[in-house]
Each structure stands twice: as structure tokens, then as C-alpha cells.
Amino acid sequence: SCAVVDTTDGSTLSFPHGLNIEGMLYFPTTSNVTIETSHIFIQGILKIDPPIISNTVRVRMIGTQYEYLHPHAENSMECDSALGCNIGKKAIVVAGGTLDINGLSDPDCPAWTKLESIPDPNTLTIGSKAAECWGARAGGEIIVTNSEKRAGFDQNFVR
């Protein structure tokens, strides 16, 4: 099934026990909303189109408790059947689903990119198109995070 978020007044929709998407959750260009939730599990499709001018789609992560994913049948063997998978706090998890966020209105600007290289712990190299698009956004930040410290990076902000 598909649910369309047709909220256009900038209000906040609260999901204190999290969102578990198994069908499709769609935010069209007219959406103007803040989603407040403890976690998002994407086992289906989460699609967010670029909002029209003056509209925004924001996600505010709340809570301090550890969350446990209980995957649908296709991925059930990946977690303990009784406990589920401990995925931590305030997590956005794609577990067999699709995350399709188009936050930039220019279709040639990537919303994400793989790192081209990490020559040393203080230097990141990303693709030239991503650097061109992201560098043009005043005040923008690139956030590099992972669950393990690799190559000297551990939840660092790169400006």
C-alpha cells in the first residue's frame, strides 16, 4: 500500500514509537511538514521529491532509547527472532527497502556520493560534480559517520 503525505501547512507529525515503512511512504513536491520520530525503518519505499519553493520536509529524530528492528519475512534470518537487531538510537535504517530522497532541484546534482579516496585522516576526496554542487550551497556541511572508526574518521564534520 502507498501513503501520501499531503500536509502542506508546515505542521509537525509525531511518531514517538518510530516509523516502520513496509509499503510506500511518499512526500510529493507540495509537502511542507516536519516528521518527528525515534527511528525510521525502511523495508519498503520512502520517496521524497524536492519541495517547491518555500516548502520543506524535515525529519527530527527524538528519543534516547535503543531501537530494535524486527525485519519482514524476506530479511527475518538477519536478526535474532526474539530480540530483533539492535540498531542503536535515532537510526534511519534501510533494510531491504529503497530510500529515494531528491532534495536538490537540479537533477544533475547528486544528493550523495561515494568517497573517491581518503589519502590521509584529514583529507576526503569526493566526485567533482558533488563538490561543485555542494560547494555552491552556502553554509552547507558534509557529515561523515559510521559505526566504526575507519581511516581516522569517527562522526567528523567536514566543512
Protein backbone atom coordinates (compact mmCIF):
# COMPACT_ATOMS: atom_id res chain seq x y z
CA SER A 1 0.00 0.00 0.00
CA CYS A 2 1.04 3.62 -0.54
CA ALA A 3 0.57 6.53 1.85
CA VAL A 4 0.94 10.09 0.56
CA VAL A 5 1.93 12.85 2.98
CA ASP A 6 -0.33 15.69 1.86
CA THR A 7 0.45 18.02 4.77
CA THR A 8 1.13 21.47 3.34
CA ASP A 9 0.79 23.80 6.35
CA GLY A 10 4.22 23.22 7.91
CA SER A 11 2.85 21.30 10.87
CA THR A 12 4.66 18.56 12.80
CA LEU A 13 3.56 14.92 12.61
CA SER A 14 4.80 12.93 15.63
CA PHE A 15 5.63 9.24 15.61
CA PRO A 16 7.19 8.73 19.07
CA HIS A 17 7.37 4.95 18.57
CA GLY A 18 9.03 5.24 15.18
CA LEU A 19 8.14 4.65 11.55
CA ASN A 20 8.35 1.18 10.02
CA ILE A 21 7.73 1.55 6.29
CA GLU A 22 6.77 -1.72 4.59
CA GLY A 23 4.71 -0.31 1.70
CA MET A 24 5.46 3.13 0.28
CA LEU A 25 5.55 6.48 2.06
CA TYR A 26 5.56 9.31 -0.48
CA PHE A 27 6.20 13.04 0.05
CA PRO A 28 5.19 14.95 -3.12
CA THR A 29 6.64 18.35 -4.06
CA THR A 30 3.76 20.10 -2.25
CA SER A 31 4.66 18.60 1.14
CA ASN A 32 5.53 21.11 3.86
CA VAL A 33 5.96 19.16 7.08
CA THR A 34 8.22 18.12 9.94
CA ILE A 35 8.27 14.45 10.88
CA GLU A 36 9.25 13.81 14.50
CA THR A 37 10.19 10.21 15.25
CA SER A 38 12.52 7.98 17.26
CA HIS A 39 13.60 5.94 14.23
CA ILE A 40 12.77 5.12 10.62
CA PHE A 41 12.94 1.56 9.32
CA ILE A 42 12.66 1.39 5.53
CA GLN A 43 11.63 -2.09 4.47
CA GLY A 44 9.51 -0.78 1.60
CA ILE A 45 9.97 2.59 -0.17
CA LEU A 46 10.49 6.07 1.27
CA LYS A 47 10.28 8.61 -1.57
CA ILE A 48 10.70 12.36 -1.02
CA ASP A 49 10.55 14.67 -4.03
CA PRO A 50 12.17 18.13 -3.90
CA PRO A 51 9.72 20.50 -2.20
CA ILE A 52 8.50 23.53 -4.12
CA ILE A 53 9.99 26.90 -3.16
CA SER A 54 9.14 27.90 0.44
CA ASN A 55 8.22 24.33 1.43
CA THR A 56 10.42 21.91 3.38
CA VAL A 57 10.35 18.32 4.51
CA ARG A 58 12.24 17.94 7.78
CA VAL A 59 12.90 14.91 9.94
CA ARG A 60 13.61 15.49 13.62
CA MET A 61 14.97 12.44 15.42
CA ILE A 62 13.88 12.18 19.06
CA GLY A 63 14.36 9.80 21.98
CA THR A 64 17.21 8.23 23.86
CA GLN A 65 16.34 4.54 23.81
CA TYR A 66 17.94 1.80 21.72
CA GLU A 67 15.68 0.57 18.93
CA TYR A 68 15.28 -2.98 17.64
CA LEU A 69 14.43 -3.89 14.08
CA HIS A 70 12.18 -6.89 13.51
CA PRO A 71 12.51 -7.34 9.74
CA HIS A 72 9.75 -8.61 7.48
CA ALA A 73 9.87 -12.20 6.28
CA GLU A 74 12.40 -11.70 3.46
CA ASN A 75 15.07 -10.44 5.90
CA SER A 76 13.97 -12.23 9.08
CA MET A 77 17.01 -14.53 9.11
CA GLU A 78 19.29 -11.48 9.57
CA CYS A 79 18.18 -10.83 13.17
CA ASP A 80 17.52 -12.81 16.32
CA SER A 81 13.86 -13.82 16.02
CA ALA A 82 13.07 -12.92 19.64
CA LEU A 83 15.12 -9.76 20.13
CA GLY A 84 15.48 -8.36 16.62
CA CYS A 85 18.53 -6.35 15.54
CA ASN A 86 19.77 -3.67 17.92
CA ILE A 87 20.27 -0.71 15.59
CA GLY A 88 21.02 1.97 18.18
CA LYS A 89 19.42 5.34 18.86
CA LYS A 90 17.77 7.72 16.38
CA ALA A 91 18.53 5.49 13.40
CA ILE A 92 17.40 5.61 9.80
CA VAL A 93 17.77 2.03 8.54
CA VAL A 94 17.28 0.74 5.01
CA ALA A 95 16.60 -2.98 5.47
CA GLY A 96 15.74 -4.49 2.11
CA GLY A 97 13.90 -1.35 1.03
CA THR A 98 14.55 1.75 -1.05
CA LEU A 99 15.38 5.27 0.12
CA ASP A 100 14.71 7.78 -2.67
CA ILE A 101 15.30 11.37 -1.49
CA ASN A 102 15.61 14.09 -4.09
CA GLY A 103 16.45 17.13 -2.00
CA LEU A 104 18.14 19.16 -4.72
CA SER A 105 16.02 20.51 -7.53
CA ASP A 106 18.90 20.21 -10.05
CA PRO A 107 18.70 16.59 -11.25
CA ASP A 108 22.40 16.66 -12.17
CA CYS A 109 23.46 17.35 -8.55
CA PRO A 110 23.83 14.14 -6.54
CA ALA A 111 22.26 14.02 -3.08
CA TRP A 112 25.01 11.59 -2.01
CA THR A 113 28.24 10.24 -3.39
CA LYS A 114 30.86 7.66 -2.57
CA LEU A 115 34.19 8.87 -1.32
CA GLU A 116 36.74 8.81 -4.11
CA SER A 117 39.63 8.45 -1.69
CA ILE A 118 40.89 9.04 1.82
CA PRO A 119 44.60 9.71 1.32
CA ASP A 120 45.11 10.57 4.99
CA PRO A 121 42.93 11.07 8.10
CA ASN A 122 42.49 14.80 7.38
CA THR A 123 41.54 14.70 3.69
CA LEU A 124 38.46 13.49 1.82
CA THR A 125 38.06 13.42 -1.94
CA ILE A 126 34.57 13.32 -3.47
CA GLY A 127 33.43 13.35 -7.10
CA SER A 128 33.81 16.66 -8.93
CA LYS A 129 30.08 17.09 -9.67
CA ALA A 130 29.19 16.60 -6.00
CA ALA A 131 31.90 19.04 -4.96
CA GLU A 132 30.65 21.61 -7.48
CA CYS A 133 27.00 21.31 -6.36
CA TRP A 134 27.60 21.08 -2.63
CA GLY A 135 30.30 23.76 -2.58
CA ALA A 136 27.82 26.22 -4.05
CA ARG A 137 25.46 25.83 -1.09
CA ALA A 138 26.38 28.49 1.48
CA GLY A 139 26.68 27.11 4.99
CA GLY A 140 26.43 23.53 3.80
CA GLU A 141 28.12 20.72 5.68
CA ILE A 142 29.24 17.28 4.69
CA ILE A 143 28.82 14.81 7.53
CA VAL A 144 30.82 11.59 7.51
CA THR A 145 29.65 9.00 10.00
CA ASN A 146 29.97 5.28 10.51
CA SER A 147 29.69 2.77 13.31
CA GLU A 148 33.41 2.05 13.39
CA LYS A 149 36.37 4.33 13.33
CA ARG A 150 37.96 3.89 9.91
CA ALA A 151 40.86 5.82 8.45
CA GLY A 152 40.72 8.29 11.33
CA PHE A 153 37.10 9.38 10.72
CA ASP A 154 34.57 8.97 13.51
CA GLN A 155 31.50 11.21 13.25
CA ASN A 156 33.52 14.12 11.93
CA PHE A 157 32.15 17.23 10.29
CA VAL A 158 33.90 18.31 7.11
CA ARG A 159 33.33 21.95 6.10
